[in-house]
Amino acid sequence: MKRTKMSLLAVAAVAFGAFAFKGFDGGSIAGKVVPADGATEAWAVSGTDTLKTAVAEGAFSFTNAKAGTYTVIVDAKEPFKDATITDVKVEDGKATDLGEIKLAQ
């Protein structure tokens, strides 16, 4: 009887641990800048959370973004102007694709 209780307790502890320390999935934000060499980095801001990533060959991606609404800013190189995309919705476990972002001069 004591052995059965200990076994059940051990199984319960393992199950609890699996859920308590489940990895953070988060969501993601991705986009493509045109022209491809027109930007160096991008920022995603939501409240006090700020994410930064490089723009490589015109593409950028933020991974493990918390669920919420973000403002994405593409830091453009001269002669282009920075681009700002507001109200970018992110859900846990889902990808948000901003598509093509054309930089204005």
PDB file of N, CA and C in Angstrom:
ATOM      1  N   MET A   1       0.817  -1.189   0.000  1.00  0.00           N
ATOM      2  CA  MET A   1       0.000   0.000   0.000  1.00  0.00           C
ATOM      3  C   MET A   1       0.863   1.256   0.000  1.00  0.00           C
ATOM      4  N   LYS A   2       1.898   1.270   0.841  1.00  0.00           N
ATOM      5  CA  LYS A   2       2.790   2.408   0.927  1.00  0.00           C
ATOM      6  C   LYS A   2       3.513   2.617  -0.405  1.00  0.00           C
ATOM      7  N   ARG A   3       3.884   1.504  -1.033  1.00  0.00           N
ATOM      8  CA  ARG A   3       4.575   1.565  -2.313  1.00  0.00           C
ATOM      9  C   ARG A   3       3.672   2.162  -3.401  1.00  0.00           C
ATOM     10  N   THR A   4       2.394   1.799  -3.390  1.00  0.00           N
ATOM     11  CA  THR A   4       1.441   2.327  -4.369  1.00  0.00           C
ATOM     12  C   THR A   4       1.272   3.830  -4.203  1.00  0.00           C
ATOM     13  N   LYS A   5       1.157   4.289  -2.958  1.00  0.00           N
ATOM     14  CA  LYS A   5       1.021   5.729  -2.700  1.00  0.00           C
ATOM     15  C   LYS A   5       2.259   6.482  -3.179  1.00  0.00           C
ATOM     16  N   MET A   6       3.432   5.926  -2.927  1.00  0.00           N
ATOM     17  CA  MET A   6       4.670   6.570  -3.357  1.00  0.00           C
ATOM     18  C   MET A   6       4.748   6.623  -4.879  1.00  0.00           C
ATOM     19  N   SER A   7       4.315   5.564  -5.536  1.00  0.00           N
ATOM     20  CA  SER A   7       4.330   5.532  -6.999  1.00  0.00           C
ATOM     21  C   SER A   7       3.379   6.577  -7.565  1.00  0.00           C
ATOM     22  N   LEU A   8       2.181   6.668  -6.999  1.00  0.00           N
ATOM     23  CA  LEU A   8       1.214   7.670  -7.456  1.00  0.00           C
ATOM     24  C   LEU A   8       1.726   9.077  -7.203  1.00  0.00           C
ATOM     25  N   LEU A   9       2.350   9.279  -6.065  1.00  0.00           N
ATOM     26  CA  LEU A   9       2.923  10.582  -5.745  1.00  0.00           C
ATOM     27  C   LEU A   9       4.023  10.946  -6.737  1.00  0.00           C
ATOM     28  N   ALA A  10       4.850   9.979  -7.083  1.00  0.00           N
ATOM     29  CA  ALA A  10       5.929  10.222  -8.047  1.00  0.00           C
ATOM     30  C   ALA A  10       5.364  10.560  -9.422  1.00  0.00           C
ATOM     31  N   VAL A  11       4.346   9.838  -9.861  1.00  0.00           N
ATOM     32  CA  VAL A  11       3.717  10.116 -11.163  1.00  0.00           C
ATOM     33  C   VAL A  11       3.083  11.505 -11.156  1.00  0.00           C
ATOM     34  N   ALA A  12       2.418  11.862 -10.080  1.00  0.00           N
ATOM     35  CA  ALA A  12       1.799  13.186  -9.971  1.00  0.00           C
ATOM     36  C   ALA A  12       2.862  14.288 -10.013  1.00  0.00           C
ATOM     37  N   ALA A  13       3.978  14.078  -9.342  1.00  0.00           N
ATOM     38  CA  ALA A  13       5.053  15.071  -9.332  1.00  0.00           C
ATOM     39  C   ALA A  13       5.635  15.268 -10.724  1.00  0.00           C
ATOM     40  N   VAL A  14       5.841  14.179 -11.448  1.00  0.00           N
ATOM     41  CA  VAL A  14       6.371  14.269 -12.808  1.00  0.00           C
ATOM     42  C   VAL A  14       5.383  14.998 -13.718  1.00  0.00           C
ATOM     43  N   ALA A  15       4.107  14.666 -13.605  1.00  0.00           N
ATOM     44  CA  ALA A  15       3.084  15.321 -14.431  1.00  0.00           C
ATOM     45  C   ALA A  15       3.016  16.808 -14.121  1.00  0.00           C
ATOM     46  N   PHE A  16       3.035  17.160 -12.839  1.00  0.00           N
ATOM     47  CA  PHE A  16       3.009  18.565 -12.446  1.00  0.00           C
ATOM     48  C   PHE A  16       4.223  19.297 -12.997  1.00  0.00           C
ATOM     49  N   GLY A  17       5.387  18.686 -12.869  1.00  0.00           N
ATOM     50  CA  GLY A  17       6.618  19.294 -13.361  1.00  0.00           C
ATOM     51  C   GLY A  17       6.599  19.520 -14.861  1.00  0.00           C
ATOM     52  N   ALA A  18       6.009  18.594 -15.574  1.00  0.00           N
ATOM     53  CA  ALA A  18       5.947  18.725 -17.035  1.00  0.00           C
ATOM     54  C   ALA A  18       5.112  19.934 -17.437  1.00  0.00           C
ATOM     55  N   PHE A  19       4.028  20.190 -16.716  1.00  0.00           N
ATOM     56  CA  PHE A  19       3.184  21.333 -17.035  1.00  0.00           C
ATOM     57  C   PHE A  19       3.732  22.629 -16.456  1.00  0.00           C
ATOM     58  N   ALA A  20       4.317  22.580 -15.281  1.00  0.00           N
ATOM     59  CA  ALA A  20       4.826  23.781 -14.626  1.00  0.00           C
ATOM     60  C   ALA A  20       5.997  24.378 -15.385  1.00  0.00           C
ATOM     61  N   PHE A  21       6.814  23.532 -15.986  1.00  0.00           N
ATOM     62  CA  PHE A  21       7.994  24.023 -16.676  1.00  0.00           C
ATOM     63  C   PHE A  21       7.886  23.883 -18.183  1.00  0.00           C
ATOM     64  N   LYS A  22       6.664  23.886 -18.668  1.00  0.00           N
ATOM     65  CA  LYS A  22       6.442  23.798 -20.107  1.00  0.00           C
ATOM     66  C   LYS A  22       7.104  24.992 -20.775  1.00  0.00           C
ATOM     67  N   GLY A  23       7.779  24.770 -21.895  1.00  0.00           N
ATOM     68  CA  GLY A  23       8.490  25.833 -22.594  1.00  0.00           C
ATOM     69  C   GLY A  23       7.551  26.926 -23.086  1.00  0.00           C
ATOM     70  N   PHE A  24       8.078  28.131 -23.164  1.00  0.00           N
ATOM     71  CA  PHE A  24       7.337  29.277 -23.668  1.00  0.00           C
ATOM     72  C   PHE A  24       7.336  29.225 -25.188  1.00  0.00           C
ATOM     73  N   ASP A  25       6.159  29.032 -25.765  1.00  0.00           N
ATOM     74  CA  ASP A  25       6.069  28.957 -27.219  1.00  0.00           C
ATOM     75  C   ASP A  25       6.173  30.340 -27.839  1.00  0.00           C
ATOM     76  N   GLY A  26       5.364  31.257 -27.350  1.00  0.00           N
ATOM     77  CA  GLY A  26       5.360  32.596 -27.916  1.00  0.00           C
ATOM     78  C   GLY A  26       4.870  32.575 -29.346  1.00  0.00           C
ATOM     79  N   GLY A  27       4.881  33.714 -29.941  1.00  0.00           N
ATOM     80  CA  GLY A  27       4.502  33.859 -31.343  1.00  0.00           C
ATOM     81  C   GLY A  27       5.674  34.436 -32.101  1.00  0.00           C
ATOM     82  N   SER A  28       5.455  34.763 -33.361  1.00  0.00           N
ATOM     83  CA  SER A  28       6.526  35.359 -34.148  1.00  0.00           C
ATOM     84  C   SER A  28       5.961  36.426 -35.073  1.00  0.00           C
ATOM     85  N   ILE A  29       6.854  37.324 -35.481  1.00  0.00           N
ATOM     86  CA  ILE A  29       6.529  38.385 -36.435  1.00  0.00           C
ATOM     87  C   ILE A  29       7.605  38.345 -37.510  1.00  0.00           C
ATOM     88  N   ALA A  30       7.202  38.351 -38.768  1.00  0.00           N
ATOM     89  CA  ALA A  30       8.173  38.344 -39.865  1.00  0.00           C
ATOM     90  C   ALA A  30       7.741  39.320 -40.945  1.00  0.00           C
ATOM     91  N   GLY A  31       8.702  39.805 -41.703  1.00  0.00           N
ATOM     92  CA  GLY A  31       8.400  40.709 -42.802  1.00  0.00           C
ATOM     93  C   GLY A  31       9.556  40.778 -43.773  1.00  0.00           C
ATOM     94  N   LYS A  32       9.296  41.409 -44.916  1.00  0.00           N
ATOM     95  CA  LYS A  32      10.309  41.562 -45.952  1.00  0.00           C
ATOM     96  C   LYS A  32      10.338  43.028 -46.375  1.00  0.00           C
ATOM     97  N   VAL A  33      11.544  43.595 -46.376  1.00  0.00           N
ATOM     98  CA  VAL A  33      11.730  45.010 -46.690  1.00  0.00           C
ATOM     99  C   VAL A  33      12.132  45.163 -48.151  1.00  0.00           C
ATOM    100  N   VAL A  34      11.523  46.164 -48.827  1.00  0.00           N
ATOM    101  CA  VAL A  34      11.850  46.473 -50.217  1.00  0.00           C
ATOM    102  C   VAL A  34      12.223  47.948 -50.286  1.00  0.00           C
ATOM    103  N   PRO A  35      13.425  48.283 -50.773  1.00  0.00           N
ATOM    104  CA  PRO A  35      14.455  47.415 -51.325  1.00  0.00           C
ATOM    105  C   PRO A  35      15.171  46.625 -50.225  1.00  0.00           C
ATOM    106  N   ALA A  36      15.706  45.480 -50.613  1.00  0.00           N
ATOM    107  CA  ALA A  36      16.301  44.553 -49.656  1.00  0.00           C
ATOM    108  C   ALA A  36      17.459  45.149 -48.867  1.00  0.00           C
ATOM    109  N   ASP A  37      18.198  46.086 -49.470  1.00  0.00           N
ATOM    110  CA  ASP A  37      19.337  46.685 -48.768  1.00  0.00           C
ATOM    111  C   ASP A  37      18.987  48.036 -48.138  1.00  0.00           C
ATOM    112  N   GLY A  38      17.681  48.319 -47.988  1.00  0.00           N
ATOM    113  CA  GLY A  38      17.240  49.613 -47.496  1.00  0.00           C
ATOM    114  C   GLY A  38      17.139  49.746 -45.986  1.00  0.00           C
ATOM    115  N   ALA A  39      17.354  48.664 -45.238  1.00  0.00           N
ATOM    116  CA  ALA A  39      17.215  48.736 -43.780  1.00  0.00           C
ATOM    117  C   ALA A  39      18.275  47.874 -43.101  1.00  0.00           C
ATOM    118  N   THR A  40      18.580  48.238 -41.858  1.00  0.00           N
ATOM    119  CA  THR A  40      19.607  47.510 -41.103  1.00  0.00           C
ATOM    120  C   THR A  40      19.026  46.680 -39.968  1.00  0.00           C
ATOM    121  N   GLU A  41      17.979  47.196 -39.315  1.00  0.00           N
ATOM    122  CA  GLU A  41      17.382  46.468 -38.201  1.00  0.00           C
ATOM    123  C   GLU A  41      15.915  46.836 -38.050  1.00  0.00           C
ATOM    124  N   ALA A  42      15.221  46.007 -37.249  1.00  0.00           N
ATOM    125  CA  ALA A  42      13.802  46.238 -36.990  1.00  0.00           C
ATOM    126  C   ALA A  42      13.552  46.075 -35.491  1.00  0.00           C
ATOM    127  N   TRP A  43      12.560  46.785 -35.009  1.00  0.00           N
ATOM    128  CA  TRP A  43      12.177  46.778 -33.596  1.00  0.00           C
ATOM    129  C   TRP A  43      10.703  46.415 -33.494  1.00  0.00           C
ATOM    130  N   ALA A  44      10.338  45.697 -32.450  1.00  0.00           N
ATOM    131  CA  ALA A  44       8.936  45.411 -32.146  1.00  0.00           C
ATOM    132  C   ALA A  44       8.712  45.838 -30.695  1.00  0.00           C
ATOM    133  N   VAL A  45       7.739  46.724 -30.471  1.00  0.00           N
ATOM    134  CA  VAL A  45       7.499  47.282 -29.146  1.00  0.00           C
ATOM    135  C   VAL A  45       6.059  47.008 -28.731  1.00  0.00           C
ATOM    136  N   SER A  46       5.906  46.488 -27.513  1.00  0.00           N
ATOM    137  CA  SER A  46       4.588  46.247 -26.927  1.00  0.00           C
ATOM    138  C   SER A  46       4.692  46.557 -25.437  1.00  0.00           C
ATOM    139  N   GLY A  47       4.125  47.681 -25.023  1.00  0.00           N
ATOM    140  CA  GLY A  47       4.228  48.075 -23.621  1.00  0.00           C
ATOM    141  C   GLY A  47       5.682  48.271 -23.243  1.00  0.00           C
ATOM    142  N   THR A  48       6.155  47.522 -22.247  1.00  0.00           N
ATOM    143  CA  THR A  48       7.551  47.623 -21.819  1.00  0.00           C
ATOM    144  C   THR A  48       8.439  46.590 -22.507  1.00  0.00           C
ATOM    145  N   ASP A  49       7.865  45.726 -23.345  1.00  0.00           N
ATOM    146  CA  ASP A  49       8.644  44.721 -24.077  1.00  0.00           C
ATOM    147  C   ASP A  49       9.157  45.309 -25.385  1.00  0.00           C
ATOM    148  N   THR A  50      10.462  45.198 -25.596  1.00  0.00           N
ATOM    149  CA  THR A  50      11.074  45.663 -26.838  1.00  0.00           C
ATOM    150  C   THR A  50      11.941  44.552 -27.405  1.00  0.00           C
ATOM    151  N   LEU A  51      11.683  44.207 -28.664  1.00  0.00           N
ATOM    152  CA  LEU A  51      12.469  43.196 -29.364  1.00  0.00           C
ATOM    153  C   LEU A  51      13.231  43.882 -30.488  1.00  0.00           C
ATOM    154  N   LYS A  52      14.436  43.403 -30.777  1.00  0.00           N
ATOM    155  CA  LYS A  52      15.263  43.970 -31.839  1.00  0.00           C
ATOM    156  C   LYS A  52      15.842  42.824 -32.651  1.00  0.00           C
ATOM    157  N   THR A  53      15.881  43.000 -33.969  1.00  0.00           N
ATOM    158  CA  THR A  53      16.478  41.983 -34.827  1.00  0.00           C
ATOM    159  C   THR A  53      17.108  42.648 -36.044  1.00  0.00           C
ATOM    160  N   ALA A  54      18.063  41.981 -36.635  1.00  0.00           N
ATOM    161  CA  ALA A  54      18.721  42.476 -37.846  1.00  0.00           C
ATOM    162  C   ALA A  54      17.844  42.207 -39.067  1.00  0.00           C
ATOM    163  N   VAL A  55      18.007  43.065 -40.058  1.00  0.00           N
ATOM    164  CA  VAL A  55      17.370  42.846 -41.357  1.00  0.00           C
ATOM    165  C   VAL A  55      18.469  42.287 -42.257  1.00  0.00           C
ATOM    166  N   ALA A  56      18.292  41.056 -42.710  1.00  0.00           N
ATOM    167  CA  ALA A  56      19.287  40.390 -43.558  1.00  0.00           C
ATOM    168  C   ALA A  56      18.669  40.061 -44.900  1.00  0.00           C
ATOM    169  N   GLU A  57      19.280  40.568 -45.950  1.00  0.00           N
ATOM    170  CA  GLU A  57      18.787  40.361 -47.314  1.00  0.00           C
ATOM    171  C   GLU A  57      17.321  40.749 -47.427  1.00  0.00           C
ATOM    172  N   GLY A  58      16.947  41.800 -46.706  1.00  0.00           N
ATOM    173  CA  GLY A  58      15.594  42.324 -46.773  1.00  0.00           C
ATOM    174  C   GLY A  58      14.590  41.644 -45.865  1.00  0.00           C
ATOM    175  N   ALA A  59      14.987  40.588 -45.171  1.00  0.00           N
ATOM    176  CA  ALA A  59      14.038  39.848 -44.331  1.00  0.00           C
ATOM    177  C   ALA A  59      14.375  40.019 -42.851  1.00  0.00           C
ATOM    178  N   PHE A  60      13.324  40.001 -42.032  1.00  0.00           N
ATOM    179  CA  PHE A  60      13.514  40.027 -40.583  1.00  0.00           C
ATOM    180  C   PHE A  60      12.468  39.144 -39.921  1.00  0.00           C
ATOM    181  N   SER A  61      12.794  38.694 -38.714  1.00  0.00           N
ATOM    182  CA  SER A  61      11.879  37.837 -37.978  1.00  0.00           C
ATOM    183  C   SER A  61      12.129  37.983 -36.483  1.00  0.00           C
ATOM    184  N   PHE A  62      11.057  38.175 -35.733  1.00  0.00           N
ATOM    185  CA  PHE A  62      11.111  38.179 -34.274  1.00  0.00           C
ATOM    186  C   PHE A  62      10.499  36.858 -33.815  1.00  0.00           C
ATOM    187  N   THR A  63      11.228  36.091 -33.018  1.00  0.00           N
ATOM    188  CA  THR A  63      10.693  34.842 -32.493  1.00  0.00           C
ATOM    189  C   THR A  63      10.463  34.980 -30.994  1.00  0.00           C
ATOM    190  N   ASN A  64       9.637  34.107 -30.459  1.00  0.00           N
ATOM    191  CA  ASN A  64       9.301  34.111 -29.033  1.00  0.00           C
ATOM    192  C   ASN A  64       8.754  35.445 -28.547  1.00  0.00           C
ATOM    193  N   ALA A  65       7.925  36.069 -29.369  1.00  0.00           N
ATOM    194  CA  ALA A  65       7.258  37.307 -28.961  1.00  0.00           C
ATOM    195  C   ALA A  65       6.052  36.933 -28.098  1.00  0.00           C
ATOM    196  N   LYS A  66       5.885  37.627 -26.996  1.00  0.00           N
ATOM    197  CA  LYS A  66       4.729  37.383 -26.128  1.00  0.00           C
ATOM    198  C   LYS A  66       3.456  37.786 -26.869  1.00  0.00           C
ATOM    199  N   ALA A  67       2.364  37.136 -26.530  1.00  0.00           N
ATOM    200  CA  ALA A  67       1.077  37.496 -27.130  1.00  0.00           C
ATOM    201  C   ALA A  67       0.759  38.942 -26.790  1.00  0.00           C
ATOM    202  N   GLY A  68       0.226  39.671 -27.759  1.00  0.00           N
ATOM    203  CA  GLY A  68      -0.135  41.068 -27.533  1.00  0.00           C
ATOM    204  C   GLY A  68      -0.157  41.840 -28.830  1.00  0.00           C
ATOM    205  N   THR A  69      -0.214  43.163 -28.705  1.00  0.00           N
ATOM    206  CA  THR A  69      -0.239  44.049 -29.859  1.00  0.00           C
ATOM    207  C   THR A  69       1.064  44.836 -29.889  1.00  0.00           C
ATOM    208  N   TYR A  70       1.725  44.813 -31.030  1.00  0.00           N
ATOM    209  CA  TYR A  70       3.037  45.437 -31.189  1.00  0.00           C
ATOM    210  C   TYR A  70       3.008  46.560 -32.213  1.00  0.00           C
ATOM    211  N   THR A  71       3.987  47.446 -32.083  1.00  0.00           N
ATOM    212  CA  THR A  71       4.321  48.411 -33.122  1.00  0.00           C
ATOM    213  C   THR A  71       5.678  47.982 -33.649  1.00  0.00           C
ATOM    214  N   VAL A  72       5.777  47.770 -34.951  1.00  0.00           N
ATOM    215  CA  VAL A  72       7.028  47.343 -35.573  1.00  0.00           C
ATOM    216  C   VAL A  72       7.623  48.531 -36.311  1.00  0.00           C
ATOM    217  N   ILE A  73       8.906  48.794 -36.046  1.00  0.00           N
ATOM    218  CA  ILE A  73       9.613  49.908 -36.675  1.00  0.00           C
ATOM    219  C   ILE A  73      10.795  49.341 -37.446  1.00  0.00           C
ATOM    220  N   VAL A  74      10.852  49.672 -38.730  1.00  0.00           N
ATOM    221  CA  VAL A  74      11.969  49.259 -39.571  1.00  0.00           C
ATOM    222  C   VAL A  74      12.914  50.448 -39.676  1.00  0.00           C
ATOM    223  N   ASP A  75      14.151  50.265 -39.212  1.00  0.00           N
ATOM    224  CA  ASP A  75      15.168  51.316 -39.196  1.00  0.00           C
ATOM    225  C   ASP A  75      15.829  51.375 -40.574  1.00  0.00           C
ATOM    226  N   ALA A  76      15.415  52.346 -41.380  1.00  0.00           N
ATOM    227  CA  ALA A  76      15.875  52.439 -42.762  1.00  0.00           C
ATOM    228  C   ALA A  76      17.196  53.194 -42.877  1.00  0.00           C
ATOM    229  N   LYS A  77      17.927  52.884 -43.957  1.00  0.00           N
ATOM    230  CA  LYS A  77      19.157  53.599 -44.282  1.00  0.00           C
ATOM    231  C   LYS A  77      18.805  54.753 -45.218  1.00  0.00           C
ATOM    232  N   GLU A  78      19.623  55.801 -45.168  1.00  0.00           N
ATOM    233  CA  GLU A  78      19.448  56.923 -46.098  1.00  0.00           C
ATOM    234  C   GLU A  78      19.535  56.411 -47.526  1.00  0.00           C
ATOM    235  N   PRO A  79      18.772  56.854 -48.446  1.00  0.00           N
ATOM    236  CA  PRO A  79      17.845  57.981 -48.426  1.00  0.00           C
ATOM    237  C   PRO A  79      16.413  57.587 -48.032  1.00  0.00           C
ATOM    238  N   PHE A  80      16.223  56.386 -47.511  1.00  0.00           N
ATOM    239  CA  PHE A  80      14.886  55.914 -47.174  1.00  0.00           C
ATOM    240  C   PHE A  80      14.452  56.397 -45.796  1.00  0.00           C
ATOM    241  N   LYS A  81      13.143  56.373 -45.580  1.00  0.00           N
ATOM    242  CA  LYS A  81      12.566  56.764 -44.297  1.00  0.00           C
ATOM    243  C   LYS A  81      12.168  55.518 -43.519  1.00  0.00           C
ATOM    244  N   ASP A  82      12.275  55.612 -42.179  1.00  0.00           N
ATOM    245  CA  ASP A  82      11.845  54.502 -41.326  1.00  0.00           C
ATOM    246  C   ASP A  82      10.381  54.182 -41.617  1.00  0.00           C
ATOM    247  N   ALA A  83      10.029  52.913 -41.478  1.00  0.00           N
ATOM    248  CA  ALA A  83       8.641  52.475 -41.661  1.00  0.00           C
ATOM    249  C   ALA A  83       8.100  52.018 -40.311  1.00  0.00           C
ATOM    250  N   THR A  84       6.852  52.393 -40.021  1.00  0.00           N
ATOM    251  CA  THR A  84       6.211  51.998 -38.768  1.00  0.00           C
ATOM    252  C   THR A  84       4.900  51.286 -39.082  1.00  0.00           C
ATOM    253  N   ILE A  85       4.730  50.103 -38.512  1.00  0.00           N
ATOM    254  CA  ILE A  85       3.498  49.326 -38.674  1.00  0.00           C
ATOM    255  C   ILE A  85       2.892  49.181 -37.285  1.00  0.00           C
ATOM    256  N   THR A  86       1.670  49.682 -37.117  1.00  0.00           N
ATOM    257  CA  THR A  86       1.017  49.640 -35.814  1.00  0.00           C
ATOM    258  C   THR A  86      -0.016  48.520 -35.752  1.00  0.00           C
ATOM    259  N   ASP A  87      -0.456  48.218 -34.544  1.00  0.00           N
ATOM    260  CA  ASP A  87      -1.505  47.216 -34.302  1.00  0.00           C
ATOM    261  C   ASP A  87      -1.178  45.836 -34.869  1.00  0.00           C
ATOM    262  N   VAL A  88       0.056  45.391 -34.687  1.00  0.00           N
ATOM    263  CA  VAL A  88       0.478  44.061 -35.136  1.00  0.00           C
ATOM    264  C   VAL A  88       0.108  43.076 -34.027  1.00  0.00           C
ATOM    265  N   LYS A  89      -0.836  42.202 -34.315  1.00  0.00           N
ATOM    266  CA  LYS A  89      -1.336  41.243 -33.326  1.00  0.00           C
ATOM    267  C   LYS A  89      -0.480  39.973 -33.328  1.00  0.00           C
ATOM    268  N   VAL A  90      -0.088  39.535 -32.126  1.00  0.00           N
ATOM    269  CA  VAL A  90       0.687  38.308 -31.973  1.00  0.00           C
ATOM    270  C   VAL A  90      -0.060  37.389 -31.017  1.00  0.00           C
ATOM    271  N   GLU A  91      -0.191  36.114 -31.423  1.00  0.00           N
ATOM    272  CA  GLU A  91      -0.811  35.092 -30.583  1.00  0.00           C
ATOM    273  C   GLU A  91       0.219  34.011 -30.312  1.00  0.00           C
ATOM    274  N   ASP A  92       0.152  33.423 -29.108  1.00  0.00           N
ATOM    275  CA  ASP A  92       1.068  32.344 -28.755  1.00  0.00           C
ATOM    276  C   ASP A  92       0.991  31.216 -29.772  1.00  0.00           C
ATOM    277  N   GLY A  93       2.155  30.761 -30.214  1.00  0.00           N
ATOM    278  CA  GLY A  93       2.226  29.629 -31.125  1.00  0.00           C
ATOM    279  C   GLY A  93       1.875  29.933 -32.565  1.00  0.00           C
ATOM    280  N   LYS A  94       1.629  31.209 -32.887  1.00  0.00           N
ATOM    281  CA  LYS A  94       1.237  31.559 -34.257  1.00  0.00           C
ATOM    282  C   LYS A  94       2.215  32.553 -34.862  1.00  0.00           C
ATOM    283  N   ALA A  95       2.342  32.499 -36.188  1.00  0.00           N
ATOM    284  CA  ALA A  95       3.218  33.409 -36.924  1.00  0.00           C
ATOM    285  C   ALA A  95       2.391  34.555 -37.499  1.00  0.00           C
ATOM    286  N   THR A  96       2.900  35.762 -37.349  1.00  0.00           N
ATOM    287  CA  THR A  96       2.274  36.944 -37.937  1.00  0.00           C
ATOM    288  C   THR A  96       3.185  37.420 -39.060  1.00  0.00           C
ATOM    289  N   ASP A  97       2.693  37.371 -40.297  1.00  0.00           N
ATOM    290  CA  ASP A  97       3.486  37.776 -41.461  1.00  0.00           C
ATOM    291  C   ASP A  97       3.043  39.164 -41.905  1.00  0.00           C
ATOM    292  N   LEU A  98       3.969  40.117 -41.878  1.00  0.00           N
ATOM    293  CA  LEU A  98       3.667  41.483 -42.287  1.00  0.00           C
ATOM    294  C   LEU A  98       3.751  41.658 -43.793  1.00  0.00           C
ATOM    295  N   GLY A  99       4.250  40.635 -44.467  1.00  0.00           N
ATOM    296  CA  GLY A  99       4.359  40.720 -45.932  1.00  0.00           C
ATOM    297  C   GLY A  99       5.471  41.666 -46.346  1.00  0.00           C
ATOM    298  N   GLU A 100       5.254  42.348 -47.469  1.00  0.00           N
ATOM    299  CA  GLU A 100       6.254  43.240 -48.035  1.00  0.00           C
ATOM    300  C   GLU A 100       6.077  44.658 -47.498  1.00  0.00           C
ATOM    301  N   ILE A 101       7.159  45.223 -46.998  1.00  0.00           N
ATOM    302  CA  ILE A 101       7.142  46.590 -46.471  1.00  0.00           C
ATOM    303  C   ILE A 101       7.992  47.440 -47.406  1.00  0.00           C
ATOM    304  N   LYS A 102       7.342  48.330 -48.165  1.00  0.00           N
ATOM    305  CA  LYS A 102       8.059  49.175 -49.119  1.00  0.00           C
ATOM    306  C   LYS A 102       8.508  50.452 -48.414  1.00  0.00           C
ATOM    307  N   LEU A 103       9.807  50.700 -48.478  1.00  0.00           N
ATOM    308  CA  LEU A 103      10.373  51.887 -47.846  1.00  0.00           C
ATOM    309  C   LEU A 103      10.241  53.087 -48.774  1.00  0.00           C
ATOM    310  N   ALA A 104       9.772  54.198 -48.211  1.00  0.00           N
ATOM    311  CA  ALA A 104       9.619  55.436 -48.980  1.00  0.00           C
ATOM    312  C   ALA A 104      10.894  56.265 -48.870  1.00  0.00           C
ATOM    313  N   GLN A 105      11.106  57.096 -49.882  1.00  0.00           N
ATOM    314  CA  GLN A 105      12.287  57.993 -49.852  1.00  0.00           C
ATOM    315  C   GLN A 105      11.894  59.358 -49.370  1.00  0.00           C
TER     316      GLN A 105
END
